Amino acid sequence: MDHPPQRVEERRQHEETPIPSGLIPSCRNCPSAKSSRTRVRRVDAPTLPQLLARFASATAAWVAAGFPVCGQGVFNHRLATCRGCEHWIPEAALGFGRCSRCGCLKTKLWLATERCPENRW
């Protein structure tokens, strides 16, 4: 894929700037996307059917337990743990964050019936 001539300077800058870990480059044909100096985390996120099944299961368990939510302290502990995890992608879900391991959003941290798939909380 050739870049438009008017964007040559942007392409040069893109090639010289390392991509922060956790971000997947949008242009897979650029040399920087294949560079060894570029740290890109491979994310094998759950598929949409898997996410829907997990959501349905988690919601059913939460409803059956009587809608329990965690306190602010437990939520803060879980959030701090997730933010320090290599699977957490803070830029995902419009900046709310998402786990690349289970696909959960920050909302899951409030549910007392839920657990981390990595057994971190």
PDB file of N, CA and C in Angstrom:
ATOM      1  N   MET A   1       0.847  -1.178   0.000  1.00  0.00           N
ATOM      2  CA  MET A   1       0.000   0.000   0.000  1.00  0.00           C
ATOM      3  C   MET A   1       0.885   1.230   0.000  1.00  0.00           C
ATOM      4  N   ASP A   2       0.752   2.063  -0.989  1.00  0.00           N
ATOM      5  CA  ASP A   2       1.536   3.285  -1.066  1.00  0.00           C
ATOM      6  C   ASP A   2       0.834   4.392  -0.319  1.00  0.00           C
ATOM      7  N   HIS A   3       1.639   5.194   0.329  1.00  0.00           N
ATOM      8  CA  HIS A   3       1.090   6.340   1.045  1.00  0.00           C
ATOM      9  C   HIS A   3       0.912   7.495   0.077  1.00  0.00           C
ATOM     10  N   PRO A   4      -0.103   8.310   0.234  1.00  0.00           N
ATOM     11  CA  PRO A   4      -0.286   9.484  -0.622  1.00  0.00           C
ATOM     12  C   PRO A   4       0.913  10.422  -0.496  1.00  0.00           C
ATOM     13  N   PRO A   5       1.329  11.065  -1.585  1.00  0.00           N
ATOM     14  CA  PRO A   5       2.510  11.932  -1.555  1.00  0.00           C
ATOM     15  C   PRO A   5       2.433  13.045  -0.521  1.00  0.00           C
ATOM     16  N   GLN A   6       1.250  13.604  -0.288  1.00  0.00           N
ATOM     17  CA  GLN A   6       1.139  14.711   0.656  1.00  0.00           C
ATOM     18  C   GLN A   6       1.382  14.252   2.099  1.00  0.00           C
ATOM     19  N   ARG A   7       1.448  12.953   2.353  1.00  0.00           N
ATOM     20  CA  ARG A   7       1.617  12.454   3.718  1.00  0.00           C
ATOM     21  C   ARG A   7       2.998  11.838   3.928  1.00  0.00           C
ATOM     22  N   VAL A   8       3.962  12.121   3.037  1.00  0.00           N
ATOM     23  CA  VAL A   8       5.294  11.543   3.147  1.00  0.00           C
ATOM     24  C   VAL A   8       5.948  11.935   4.467  1.00  0.00           C
ATOM     25  N   GLU A   9       5.827  13.194   4.864  1.00  0.00           N
ATOM     26  CA  GLU A   9       6.438  13.652   6.109  1.00  0.00           C
ATOM     27  C   GLU A   9       5.815  12.942   7.306  1.00  0.00           C
ATOM     28  N   GLU A  10       4.506  12.775   7.279  1.00  0.00           N
ATOM     29  CA  GLU A  10       3.837  12.041   8.357  1.00  0.00           C
ATOM     30  C   GLU A  10       4.323  10.601   8.407  1.00  0.00           C
ATOM     31  N   ARG A  11       4.532   9.998   7.234  1.00  0.00           N
ATOM     32  CA  ARG A  11       5.007   8.620   7.186  1.00  0.00           C
ATOM     33  C   ARG A  11       6.400   8.517   7.789  1.00  0.00           C
ATOM     34  N   ARG A  12       7.269   9.465   7.477  1.00  0.00           N
ATOM     35  CA  ARG A  12       8.616   9.440   8.050  1.00  0.00           C
ATOM     36  C   ARG A  12       8.567   9.543   9.563  1.00  0.00           C
ATOM     37  N   GLN A  13       7.731  10.415  10.047  1.00  0.00           N
ATOM     38  CA  GLN A  13       7.599  10.569  11.489  1.00  0.00           C
ATOM     39  C   GLN A  13       7.049   9.277  12.099  1.00  0.00           C
ATOM     40  N   HIS A  14       6.076   8.653  11.441  1.00  0.00           N
ATOM     41  CA  HIS A  14       5.476   7.402  11.908  1.00  0.00           C
ATOM     42  C   HIS A  14       6.535   6.299  11.963  1.00  0.00           C
ATOM     43  N   GLU A  15       7.429   6.271  10.966  1.00  0.00           N
ATOM     44  CA  GLU A  15       8.453   5.238  10.915  1.00  0.00           C
ATOM     45  C   GLU A  15       9.494   5.412  12.016  1.00  0.00           C
ATOM     46  N   GLU A  16       9.705   6.618  12.472  1.00  0.00           N
ATOM     47  CA  GLU A  16      10.729   6.875  13.478  1.00  0.00           C
ATOM     48  C   GLU A  16      10.197   6.867  14.897  1.00  0.00           C
ATOM     49  N   THR A  17       8.894   6.893  15.072  1.00  0.00           N
ATOM     50  CA  THR A  17       8.297   6.961  16.393  1.00  0.00           C
ATOM     51  C   THR A  17       7.864   5.579  16.844  1.00  0.00           C
ATOM     52  N   PRO A  18       8.431   5.075  17.959  1.00  0.00           N
ATOM     53  CA  PRO A  18       7.988   3.771  18.451  1.00  0.00           C
ATOM     54  C   PRO A  18       6.534   3.839  18.912  1.00  0.00           C
ATOM     55  N   ILE A  19       5.819   2.766  18.719  1.00  0.00           N
ATOM     56  CA  ILE A  19       4.426   2.689  19.124  1.00  0.00           C
ATOM     57  C   ILE A  19       4.373   2.211  20.571  1.00  0.00           C
ATOM     58  N   PRO A  20       3.611   2.895  21.445  1.00  0.00           N
ATOM     59  CA  PRO A  20       3.517   2.465  22.833  1.00  0.00           C
ATOM     60  C   PRO A  20       2.959   1.052  22.926  1.00  0.00           C
ATOM     61  N   SER A  21       3.407   0.319  23.944  1.00  0.00           N
ATOM     62  CA  SER A  21       2.916  -1.041  24.093  1.00  0.00           C
ATOM     63  C   SER A  21       1.418  -1.015  24.323  1.00  0.00           C
ATOM     64  N   GLY A  22       0.728  -1.992  23.777  1.00  0.00           N
ATOM     65  CA  GLY A  22      -0.709  -2.068  23.916  1.00  0.00           C
ATOM     66  C   GLY A  22      -1.470  -1.501  22.742  1.00  0.00           C
ATOM     67  N   LEU A  23      -0.776  -0.788  21.842  1.00  0.00           N
ATOM     68  CA  LEU A  23      -1.448  -0.221  20.685  1.00  0.00           C
ATOM     69  C   LEU A  23      -1.079  -1.031  19.449  1.00  0.00           C
ATOM     70  N   ILE A  24      -2.036  -1.343  18.654  1.00  0.00           N
ATOM     71  CA  ILE A  24      -1.793  -2.072  17.423  1.00  0.00           C
ATOM     72  C   ILE A  24      -1.781  -1.055  16.293  1.00  0.00           C
ATOM     73  N   PRO A  25      -0.740  -1.061  15.464  1.00  0.00           N
ATOM     74  CA  PRO A  25      -0.683  -0.073  14.394  1.00  0.00           C
ATOM     75  C   PRO A  25      -1.826  -0.254  13.413  1.00  0.00           C
ATOM     76  N   SER A  26      -2.335   0.871  12.901  1.00  0.00           N
ATOM     77  CA  SER A  26      -3.450   0.795  11.965  1.00  0.00           C
ATOM     78  C   SER A  26      -2.963   0.484  10.556  1.00  0.00           C
ATOM     79  N   CYS A  27      -1.729   0.766  10.254  1.00  0.00           N
ATOM     80  CA  CYS A  27      -1.177   0.503   8.934  1.00  0.00           C
ATOM     81  C   CYS A  27      -0.166  -0.624   9.043  1.00  0.00           C
ATOM     82  N   ARG A  28      -0.562  -1.807   8.697  1.00  0.00           N
ATOM     83  CA  ARG A  28       0.301  -2.983   8.869  1.00  0.00           C
ATOM     84  C   ARG A  28       1.384  -3.066   7.784  1.00  0.00           C
ATOM     85  N   ASN A  29       1.326  -2.219   6.767  1.00  0.00           N
ATOM     86  CA  ASN A  29       2.323  -2.238   5.705  1.00  0.00           C
ATOM     87  C   ASN A  29       3.477  -1.286   5.964  1.00  0.00           C
ATOM     88  N   CYS A  30       3.355  -0.427   6.969  1.00  0.00           N
ATOM     89  CA  CYS A  30       4.431   0.507   7.277  1.00  0.00           C
ATOM     90  C   CYS A  30       5.603  -0.239   7.896  1.00  0.00           C
ATOM     91  N   PRO A  31       6.828   0.188   7.594  1.00  0.00           N
ATOM     92  CA  PRO A  31       7.991  -0.464   8.180  1.00  0.00           C
ATOM     93  C   PRO A  31       7.970  -0.440   9.708  1.00  0.00           C
ATOM     94  N   SER A  32       7.410   0.606  10.305  1.00  0.00           N
ATOM     95  CA  SER A  32       7.407   0.682  11.766  1.00  0.00           C
ATOM     96  C   SER A  32       6.529  -0.395  12.383  1.00  0.00           C
ATOM     97  N   ALA A  33       5.553  -0.899  11.644  1.00  0.00           N
ATOM     98  CA  ALA A  33       4.687  -1.949  12.172  1.00  0.00           C
ATOM     99  C   ALA A  33       5.424  -3.276  12.264  1.00  0.00           C
ATOM    100  N   LYS A  34       6.512  -3.398  11.495  1.00  0.00           N
ATOM    101  CA  LYS A  34       7.268  -4.645  11.476  1.00  0.00           C
ATOM    102  C   LYS A  34       8.625  -4.504  12.167  1.00  0.00           C
ATOM    103  N   SER A  35       8.918  -3.350  12.662  1.00  0.00           N
ATOM    104  CA  SER A  35      10.221  -3.067  13.237  1.00  0.00           C
ATOM    105  C   SER A  35      10.427  -3.778  14.560  1.00  0.00           C
ATOM    106  N   SER A  36      11.633  -4.223  14.796  1.00  0.00           N
ATOM    107  CA  SER A  36      11.935  -4.884  16.068  1.00  0.00           C
ATOM    108  C   SER A  36      11.975  -3.881  17.209  1.00  0.00           C
ATOM    109  N   ARG A  37      12.170  -2.577  16.893  1.00  0.00           N
ATOM    110  CA  ARG A  37      12.194  -1.576  17.959  1.00  0.00           C
ATOM    111  C   ARG A  37      10.787  -1.174  18.393  1.00  0.00           C
ATOM    112  N   THR A  38       9.802  -1.615  17.671  1.00  0.00           N
ATOM    113  CA  THR A  38       8.426  -1.291  17.984  1.00  0.00           C
ATOM    114  C   THR A  38       7.837  -2.390  18.845  1.00  0.00           C
ATOM    115  N   ARG A  39       7.352  -2.009  20.017  1.00  0.00           N
ATOM    116  CA  ARG A  39       6.769  -2.989  20.927  1.00  0.00           C
ATOM    117  C   ARG A  39       5.258  -2.992  20.751  1.00  0.00           C
ATOM    118  N   VAL A  40       4.737  -4.045  20.155  1.00  0.00           N
ATOM    119  CA  VAL A  40       3.310  -4.169  19.948  1.00  0.00           C
ATOM    120  C   VAL A  40       2.852  -5.445  20.638  1.00  0.00           C
ATOM    121  N   ARG A  41       1.892  -5.301  21.519  1.00  0.00           N
ATOM    122  CA  ARG A  41       1.364  -6.449  22.245  1.00  0.00           C
ATOM    123  C   ARG A  41       0.332  -7.149  21.370  1.00  0.00           C
ATOM    124  N   ARG A  42       0.517  -8.434  21.170  1.00  0.00           N
ATOM    125  CA  ARG A  42      -0.460  -9.212  20.403  1.00  0.00           C
ATOM    126  C   ARG A  42      -1.658  -9.474  21.304  1.00  0.00           C
ATOM    127  N   VAL A  43      -2.813  -9.150  20.800  1.00  0.00           N
ATOM    128  CA  VAL A  43      -4.032  -9.282  21.580  1.00  0.00           C
ATOM    129  C   VAL A  43      -4.940 -10.308  20.916  1.00  0.00           C
ATOM    130  N   ASP A  44      -5.143 -11.419  21.590  1.00  0.00           N
ATOM    131  CA  ASP A  44      -6.095 -12.411  21.118  1.00  0.00           C
ATOM    132  C   ASP A  44      -7.367 -12.226  21.921  1.00  0.00           C
ATOM    133  N   ALA A  45      -8.087 -11.184  21.595  1.00  0.00           N
ATOM    134  CA  ALA A  45      -9.300 -10.843  22.324  1.00  0.00           C
ATOM    135  C   ALA A  45     -10.384 -11.870  22.037  1.00  0.00           C
ATOM    136  N   PRO A  46     -11.287 -12.033  22.985  1.00  0.00           N
ATOM    137  CA  PRO A  46     -12.407 -12.944  22.760  1.00  0.00           C
ATOM    138  C   PRO A  46     -13.254 -12.479  21.579  1.00  0.00           C
ATOM    139  N   THR A  47     -13.872 -13.428  20.915  1.00  0.00           N
ATOM    140  CA  THR A  47     -14.745 -13.107  19.790  1.00  0.00           C
ATOM    141  C   THR A  47     -16.066 -12.547  20.310  1.00  0.00           C
ATOM    142  N   LEU A  48     -16.851 -11.955  19.437  1.00  0.00           N
ATOM    143  CA  LEU A  48     -18.141 -11.401  19.836  1.00  0.00           C
ATOM    144  C   LEU A  48     -19.063 -12.471  20.434  1.00  0.00           C
ATOM    145  N   PRO A  49     -19.179 -13.662  19.832  1.00  0.00           N
ATOM    146  CA  PRO A  49     -20.020 -14.689  20.468  1.00  0.00           C
ATOM    147  C   PRO A  49     -19.521 -15.079  21.863  1.00  0.00           C
ATOM    148  N   GLN A  50     -18.205 -15.139  22.036  1.00  0.00           N
ATOM    149  CA  GLN A  50     -17.655 -15.443  23.364  1.00  0.00           C
ATOM    150  C   GLN A  50     -17.995 -14.339  24.356  1.00  0.00           C
ATOM    151  N   LEU A  51     -17.855 -13.089  23.936  1.00  0.00           N
ATOM    152  CA  LEU A  51     -18.190 -11.969  24.812  1.00  0.00           C
ATOM    153  C   LEU A  51     -19.660 -11.986  25.214  1.00  0.00           C
ATOM    154  N   LEU A  52     -20.532 -12.259  24.247  1.00  0.00           N
ATOM    155  CA  LEU A  52     -21.960 -12.304  24.541  1.00  0.00           C
ATOM    156  C   LEU A  52     -22.301 -13.438  25.507  1.00  0.00           C
ATOM    157  N   ALA A  53     -21.683 -14.593  25.313  1.00  0.00           N
ATOM    158  CA  ALA A  53     -21.926 -15.730  26.209  1.00  0.00           C
ATOM    159  C   ALA A  53     -21.431 -15.422  27.619  1.00  0.00           C
ATOM    160  N   ARG A  54     -20.252 -14.813  27.724  1.00  0.00           N
ATOM    161  CA  ARG A  54     -19.711 -14.454  29.042  1.00  0.00           C
ATOM    162  C   ARG A  54     -20.577 -13.403  29.728  1.00  0.00           C
ATOM    163  N   PHE A  55     -21.031 -12.427  28.944  1.00  0.00           N
ATOM    164  CA  PHE A  55     -21.887 -11.384  29.495  1.00  0.00           C
ATOM    165  C   PHE A  55     -23.193 -11.978  30.022  1.00  0.00           C
ATOM    166  N   ALA A  56     -23.802 -12.865  29.246  1.00  0.00           N
ATOM    167  CA  ALA A  56     -25.059 -13.501  29.667  1.00  0.00           C
ATOM    168  C   ALA A  56     -24.853 -14.322  30.933  1.00  0.00           C
ATOM    169  N   SER A  57     -23.772 -15.073  30.980  1.00  0.00           N
ATOM    170  CA  SER A  57     -23.473 -15.903  32.151  1.00  0.00           C
ATOM    171  C   SER A  57     -23.209 -15.046  33.385  1.00  0.00           C
ATOM    172  N   ALA A  58     -22.419 -13.998  33.225  1.00  0.00           N
ATOM    173  CA  ALA A  58     -22.102 -13.112  34.344  1.00  0.00           C
ATOM    174  C   ALA A  58     -23.337 -12.384  34.841  1.00  0.00           C
ATOM    175  N   THR A  59     -24.172 -11.942  33.910  1.00  0.00           N
ATOM    176  CA  THR A  59     -25.404 -11.245  34.293  1.00  0.00           C
ATOM    177  C   THR A  59     -26.349 -12.184  35.038  1.00  0.00           C
ATOM    178  N   ALA A  60     -26.482 -13.416  34.560  1.00  0.00           N
ATOM    179  CA  ALA A  60     -27.351 -14.396  35.218  1.00  0.00           C
ATOM    180  C   ALA A  60     -26.866 -14.686  36.639  1.00  0.00           C
ATOM    181  N   ALA A  61     -25.561 -14.846  36.810  1.00  0.00           N
ATOM    182  CA  ALA A  61     -25.008 -15.106  38.146  1.00  0.00           C
ATOM    183  C   ALA A  61     -25.223 -13.905  39.063  1.00  0.00           C
ATOM    184  N   TRP A  62     -25.047 -12.711  38.525  1.00  0.00           N
ATOM    185  CA  TRP A  62     -25.218 -11.490  39.302  1.00  0.00           C
ATOM    186  C   TRP A  62     -26.673 -11.310  39.739  1.00  0.00           C
ATOM    187  N   VAL A  63     -27.605 -11.577  38.825  1.00  0.00           N
ATOM    188  CA  VAL A  63     -29.032 -11.481  39.141  1.00  0.00           C
ATOM    189  C   VAL A  63     -29.421 -12.535  40.178  1.00  0.00           C
ATOM    190  N   ALA A  64     -28.956 -13.772  39.973  1.00  0.00           N
ATOM    191  CA  ALA A  64     -29.286 -14.865  40.895  1.00  0.00           C
ATOM    192  C   ALA A  64     -28.773 -14.593  42.306  1.00  0.00           C
ATOM    193  N   ALA A  65     -27.661 -13.872  42.406  1.00  0.00           N
ATOM    194  CA  ALA A  65     -27.082 -13.558  43.716  1.00  0.00           C
ATOM    195  C   ALA A  65     -27.739 -12.340  44.362  1.00  0.00           C
ATOM    196  N   GLY A  66     -28.637 -11.674  43.652  1.00  0.00           N
ATOM    197  CA  GLY A  66     -29.333 -10.521  44.222  1.00  0.00           C
ATOM    198  C   GLY A  66     -28.702  -9.186  43.916  1.00  0.00           C
ATOM    199  N   PHE A  67     -27.992  -9.076  42.802  1.00  0.00           N
ATOM    200  CA  PHE A  67     -27.376  -7.824  42.338  1.00  0.00           C
ATOM    201  C   PHE A  67     -26.318  -7.254  43.295  1.00  0.00           C
ATOM    202  N   PRO A  68     -25.431  -8.076  43.857  1.00  0.00           N
ATOM    203  CA  PRO A  68     -24.430  -7.524  44.771  1.00  0.00           C
ATOM    204  C   PRO A  68     -23.344  -6.740  44.033  1.00  0.00           C
ATOM    205  N   VAL A  69     -22.974  -5.607  44.596  1.00  0.00           N
ATOM    206  CA  VAL A  69     -21.873  -4.812  44.051  1.00  0.00           C
ATOM    207  C   VAL A  69     -20.782  -4.681  45.114  1.00  0.00           C
ATOM    208  N   CYS A  70     -19.586  -4.433  44.644  1.00  0.00           N
ATOM    209  CA  CYS A  70     -18.448  -4.269  45.546  1.00  0.00           C
ATOM    210  C   CYS A  70     -18.445  -2.860  46.132  1.00  0.00           C
ATOM    211  N   GLY A  71     -17.794  -2.720  47.251  1.00  0.00           N
ATOM    212  CA  GLY A  71     -17.609  -1.399  47.830  1.00  0.00           C
ATOM    213  C   GLY A  71     -16.546  -0.630  47.068  1.00  0.00           C
ATOM    214  N   GLN A  72     -16.445   0.654  47.356  1.00  0.00           N
ATOM    215  CA  GLN A  72     -15.482   1.511  46.667  1.00  0.00           C
ATOM    216  C   GLN A  72     -14.046   1.028  46.866  1.00  0.00           C
ATOM    217  N   GLY A  73     -13.716   0.552  48.062  1.00  0.00           N
ATOM    218  CA  GLY A  73     -12.363   0.068  48.330  1.00  0.00           C
ATOM    219  C   GLY A  73     -12.001  -1.147  47.494  1.00  0.00           C
ATOM    220  N   VAL A  74     -12.924  -2.092  47.390  1.00  0.00           N
ATOM    221  CA  VAL A  74     -12.690  -3.289  46.574  1.00  0.00           C
ATOM    222  C   VAL A  74     -12.570  -2.896  45.105  1.00  0.00           C
ATOM    223  N   PHE A  75     -13.443  -2.013  44.641  1.00  0.00           N
ATOM    224  CA  PHE A  75     -13.377  -1.545  43.258  1.00  0.00           C
ATOM    225  C   PHE A  75     -12.028  -0.892  42.973  1.00  0.00           C
ATOM    226  N   ASN A  76     -11.571  -0.010  43.865  1.00  0.00           N
ATOM    227  CA  ASN A  76     -10.282   0.671  43.670  1.00  0.00           C
ATOM    228  C   ASN A  76      -9.129  -0.320  43.624  1.00  0.00           C
ATOM    229  N   HIS A  77      -9.183  -1.350  44.478  1.00  0.00           N
ATOM    230  CA  HIS A  77      -8.140  -2.387  44.479  1.00  0.00           C
ATOM    231  C   HIS A  77      -8.144  -3.139  43.144  1.00  0.00           C
ATOM    232  N   ARG A  78      -9.333  -3.529  42.703  1.00  0.00           N
ATOM    233  CA  ARG A  78      -9.439  -4.242  41.429  1.00  0.00           C
ATOM    234  C   ARG A  78      -8.953  -3.375  40.266  1.00  0.00           C
ATOM    235  N   LEU A  79      -9.338  -2.112  40.256  1.00  0.00           N
ATOM    236  CA  LEU A  79      -8.929  -1.208  39.186  1.00  0.00           C
ATOM    237  C   LEU A  79      -7.414  -1.023  39.166  1.00  0.00           C
ATOM    238  N   ALA A  80      -6.813  -0.849  40.323  1.00  0.00           N
ATOM    239  CA  ALA A  80      -5.354  -0.699  40.394  1.00  0.00           C
ATOM    240  C   ALA A  80      -4.658  -1.963  39.901  1.00  0.00           C
ATOM    241  N   THR A  81      -5.209  -3.114  40.255  1.00  0.00           N
ATOM    242  CA  THR A  81      -4.642  -4.386  39.806  1.00  0.00           C
ATOM    243  C   THR A  81      -4.733  -4.506  38.292  1.00  0.00           C
ATOM    244  N   CYS A  82      -5.892  -4.177  37.738  1.00  0.00           N
ATOM    245  CA  CYS A  82      -6.073  -4.253  36.284  1.00  0.00           C
ATOM    246  C   CYS A  82      -5.151  -3.275  35.555  1.00  0.00           C
ATOM    247  N   ARG A  83      -5.037  -2.084  36.067  1.00  0.00           N
ATOM    248  CA  ARG A  83      -4.180  -1.081  35.404  1.00  0.00           C
ATOM    249  C   ARG A  83      -2.720  -1.504  35.380  1.00  0.00           C
ATOM    250  N   GLY A  84      -2.303  -2.322  36.324  1.00  0.00           N
ATOM    251  CA  GLY A  84      -0.933  -2.811  36.359  1.00  0.00           C
ATOM    252  C   GLY A  84      -0.718  -4.093  35.574  1.00  0.00           C
ATOM    253  N   CYS A  85      -1.781  -4.636  35.001  1.00  0.00           N
ATOM    254  CA  CYS A  85      -1.721  -5.921  34.284  1.00  0.00           C
ATOM    255  C   CYS A  85      -1.366  -5.714  32.815  1.00  0.00           C
ATOM    256  N   GLU A  86      -0.611  -6.656  32.259  1.00  0.00           N
ATOM    257  CA  GLU A  86      -0.223  -6.566  30.851  1.00  0.00           C
ATOM    258  C   GLU A  86      -1.396  -6.765  29.903  1.00  0.00           C
ATOM    259  N   HIS A  87      -2.510  -7.305  30.386  1.00  0.00           N
ATOM    260  CA  HIS A  87      -3.680  -7.524  29.539  1.00  0.00           C
ATOM    261  C   HIS A  87      -4.591  -6.303  29.467  1.00  0.00           C
ATOM    262  N   TRP A  88      -4.403  -5.328  30.348  1.00  0.00           N
ATOM    263  CA  TRP A  88      -5.286  -4.159  30.399  1.00  0.00           C
ATOM    264  C   TRP A  88      -4.897  -3.182  29.299  1.00  0.00           C
ATOM    265  N   ILE A  89      -5.876  -2.749  28.516  1.00  0.00           N
ATOM    266  CA  ILE A  89      -5.657  -1.787  27.437  1.00  0.00           C
ATOM    267  C   ILE A  89      -6.460  -0.539  27.790  1.00  0.00           C
ATOM    268  N   PRO A  90      -5.815   0.469  28.374  1.00  0.00           N
ATOM    269  CA  PRO A  90      -6.544   1.647  28.847  1.00  0.00           C
ATOM    270  C   PRO A  90      -7.185   2.474  27.741  1.00  0.00           C
ATOM    271  N   GLU A  91      -6.658   2.405  26.512  1.00  0.00           N
ATOM    272  CA  GLU A  91      -7.199   3.203  25.411  1.00  0.00           C
ATOM    273  C   GLU A  91      -8.464   2.599  24.822  1.00  0.00           C
ATOM    274  N   ALA A  92      -8.725   1.340  25.108  1.00  0.00           N
ATOM    275  CA  ALA A  92      -9.867   0.638  24.510  1.00  0.00           C
ATOM    276  C   ALA A  92     -11.191   1.137  25.096  1.00  0.00           C
ATOM    277  N   ALA A  93     -12.252   0.810  24.416  1.00  0.00           N
ATOM    278  CA  ALA A  93     -13.614   1.127  24.867  1.00  0.00           C
ATOM    279  C   ALA A  93     -13.777   2.619  25.175  1.00  0.00           C
ATOM    280  N   LEU A  94     -13.362   3.441  24.215  1.00  0.00           N
ATOM    281  CA  LEU A  94     -13.493   4.896  24.323  1.00  0.00           C
ATOM    282  C   LEU A  94     -12.766   5.472  25.536  1.00  0.00           C
ATOM    283  N   GLY A  95     -11.656   4.845  25.914  1.00  0.00           N
ATOM    284  CA  GLY A  95     -10.857   5.338  27.024  1.00  0.00           C
ATOM    285  C   GLY A  95     -11.252   4.794  28.388  1.00  0.00           C
ATOM    286  N   PHE A  96     -12.274   3.953  28.437  1.00  0.00           N
ATOM    287  CA  PHE A  96     -12.672   3.365  29.720  1.00  0.00           C
ATOM    288  C   PHE A  96     -11.800   2.177  30.082  1.00  0.00           C
ATOM    289  N   GLY A  97     -11.185   1.549  29.102  1.00  0.00           N
ATOM    290  CA  GLY A  97     -10.315   0.416  29.335  1.00  0.00           C
ATOM    291  C   GLY A  97     -11.018  -0.910  29.107  1.00  0.00           C
ATOM    292  N   ARG A  98     -10.220  -1.891  28.699  1.00  0.00           N
ATOM    293  CA  ARG A  98     -10.749  -3.230  28.443  1.00  0.00           C
ATOM    294  C   ARG A  98      -9.635  -4.245  28.677  1.00  0.00           C
ATOM    295  N   CYS A  99     -10.025  -5.405  29.169  1.00  0.00           N
ATOM    296  CA  CYS A  99      -9.088  -6.507  29.380  1.00  0.00           C
ATOM    297  C   CYS A  99      -9.000  -7.325  28.101  1.00  0.00           C
ATOM    298  N   SER A 100      -7.793  -7.533  27.606  1.00  0.00           N
ATOM    299  CA  SER A 100      -7.636  -8.325  26.384  1.00  0.00           C
ATOM    300  C   SER A 100      -7.740  -9.817  26.668  1.00  0.00           C
ATOM    301  N   ARG A 101      -7.651 -10.214  27.913  1.00  0.00           N
ATOM    302  CA  ARG A 101      -7.747 -11.633  28.281  1.00  0.00           C
ATOM    303  C   ARG A 101      -9.191 -12.113  28.301  1.00  0.00           C
ATOM    304  N   CYS A 102     -10.062 -11.386  28.986  1.00  0.00           N
ATOM    305  CA  CYS A 102     -11.457 -11.816  29.098  1.00  0.00           C
ATOM    306  C   CYS A 102     -12.410 -10.916  28.311  1.00  0.00           C
ATOM    307  N   GLY A 103     -11.952  -9.737  27.913  1.00  0.00           N
ATOM    308  CA  GLY A 103     -12.788  -8.825  27.146  1.00  0.00           C
ATOM    309  C   GLY A 103     -13.657  -7.917  27.987  1.00  0.00           C
ATOM    310  N   CYS A 104     -13.502  -7.975  29.302  1.00  0.00           N
ATOM    311  CA  CYS A 104     -14.378  -7.184  30.169  1.00  0.00           C
ATOM    312  C   CYS A 104     -14.048  -5.700  30.107  1.00  0.00           C
ATOM    313  N   LEU A 105     -15.042  -4.925  30.455  1.00  0.00           N
ATOM    314  CA  LEU A 105     -14.879  -3.486  30.615  1.00  0.00           C
ATOM    315  C   LEU A 105     -14.733  -3.187  32.095  1.00  0.00           C
ATOM    316  N   LYS A 106     -14.490  -1.940  32.414  1.00  0.00           N
ATOM    317  CA  LYS A 106     -14.309  -1.541  33.802  1.00  0.00           C
ATOM    318  C   LYS A 106     -15.551  -1.833  34.649  1.00  0.00           C
ATOM    319  N   THR A 107     -16.703  -1.946  34.025  1.00  0.00           N
ATOM    320  CA  THR A 107     -17.953  -2.213  34.737  1.00  0.00           C
ATOM    321  C   THR A 107     -17.891  -3.525  35.518  1.00  0.00           C
ATOM    322  N   LYS A 108     -17.191  -4.510  34.979  1.00  0.00           N
ATOM    323  CA  LYS A 108     -17.083  -5.815  35.633  1.00  0.00           C
ATOM    324  C   LYS A 108     -16.485  -5.703  37.036  1.00  0.00           C
ATOM    325  N   LEU A 109     -15.659  -4.708  37.241  1.00  0.00           N
ATOM    326  CA  LEU A 109     -14.980  -4.544  38.525  1.00  0.00           C
ATOM    327  C   LEU A 109     -15.957  -4.264  39.664  1.00  0.00           C
ATOM    328  N   TRP A 110     -17.141  -3.753  39.343  1.00  0.00           N
ATOM    329  CA  TRP A 110     -18.151  -3.453  40.369  1.00  0.00           C
ATOM    330  C   TRP A 110     -18.936  -4.687  40.797  1.00  0.00           C
ATOM    331  N   LEU A 111     -18.962  -5.723  39.976  1.00  0.00           N
ATOM    332  CA  LEU A 111     -19.806  -6.878  40.255  1.00  0.00           C
ATOM    333  C   LEU A 111     -19.141  -7.828  41.249  1.00  0.00           C
ATOM    334  N   ALA A 112     -19.776  -8.011  42.407  1.00  0.00           N
ATOM    335  CA  ALA A 112     -19.211  -8.848  43.470  1.00  0.00           C
ATOM    336  C   ALA A 112     -19.146 -10.320  43.072  1.00  0.00           C
ATOM    337  N   THR A 113     -19.916 -10.728  42.097  1.00  0.00           N
ATOM    338  CA  THR A 113     -19.937 -12.133  41.681  1.00  0.00           C
ATOM    339  C   THR A 113     -18.854 -12.462  40.652  1.00  0.00           C
ATOM    340  N   GLU A 114     -18.122 -11.479  40.168  1.00  0.00           N
ATOM    341  CA  GLU A 114     -17.126 -11.695  39.117  1.00  0.00           C
ATOM    342  C   GLU A 114     -15.721 -11.853  39.680  1.00  0.00           C
ATOM    343  N   ARG A 115     -14.886 -12.562  38.918  1.00  0.00           N
ATOM    344  CA  ARG A 115     -13.486 -12.785  39.266  1.00  0.00           C
ATOM    345  C   ARG A 115     -12.613 -12.533  38.042  1.00  0.00           C
ATOM    346  N   CYS A 116     -11.351 -12.251  38.274  1.00  0.00           N
ATOM    347  CA  CYS A 116     -10.384 -12.070  37.196  1.00  0.00           C
ATOM    348  C   CYS A 116      -9.997 -13.450  36.649  1.00  0.00           C
ATOM    349  N   PRO A 117      -9.959 -13.632  35.319  1.00  0.00           N
ATOM    350  CA  PRO A 117      -9.570 -14.929  34.762  1.00  0.00           C
ATOM    351  C   PRO A 117      -8.113 -15.287  35.039  1.00  0.00           C
ATOM    352  N   GLU A 118      -7.311 -14.308  35.418  1.00  0.00           N
ATOM    353  CA  GLU A 118      -5.911 -14.535  35.765  1.00  0.00           C
ATOM    354  C   GLU A 118      -5.718 -14.713  37.275  1.00  0.00           C
ATOM    355  N   ASN A 119      -6.828 -14.747  38.003  1.00  0.00           N
ATOM    356  CA  ASN A 119      -6.811 -14.879  39.469  1.00  0.00           C
ATOM    357  C   ASN A 119      -5.999 -13.788  40.156  1.00  0.00           C
ATOM    358  N   ARG A 120      -6.095 -12.577  39.637  1.00  0.00           N
ATOM    359  CA  ARG A 120      -5.389 -11.455  40.239  1.00  0.00           C
ATOM    360  C   ARG A 120      -6.245 -10.746  41.278  1.00  0.00           C
ATOM    361  N   TRP A 121      -7.561 -10.906  41.195  1.00  0.00           N
ATOM    362  CA  TRP A 121      -8.458 -10.387  42.218  1.00  0.00           C
ATOM    363  C   TRP A 121      -9.685 -11.277  42.290  1.00  0.00           C
TER     364      TRP A 121
END
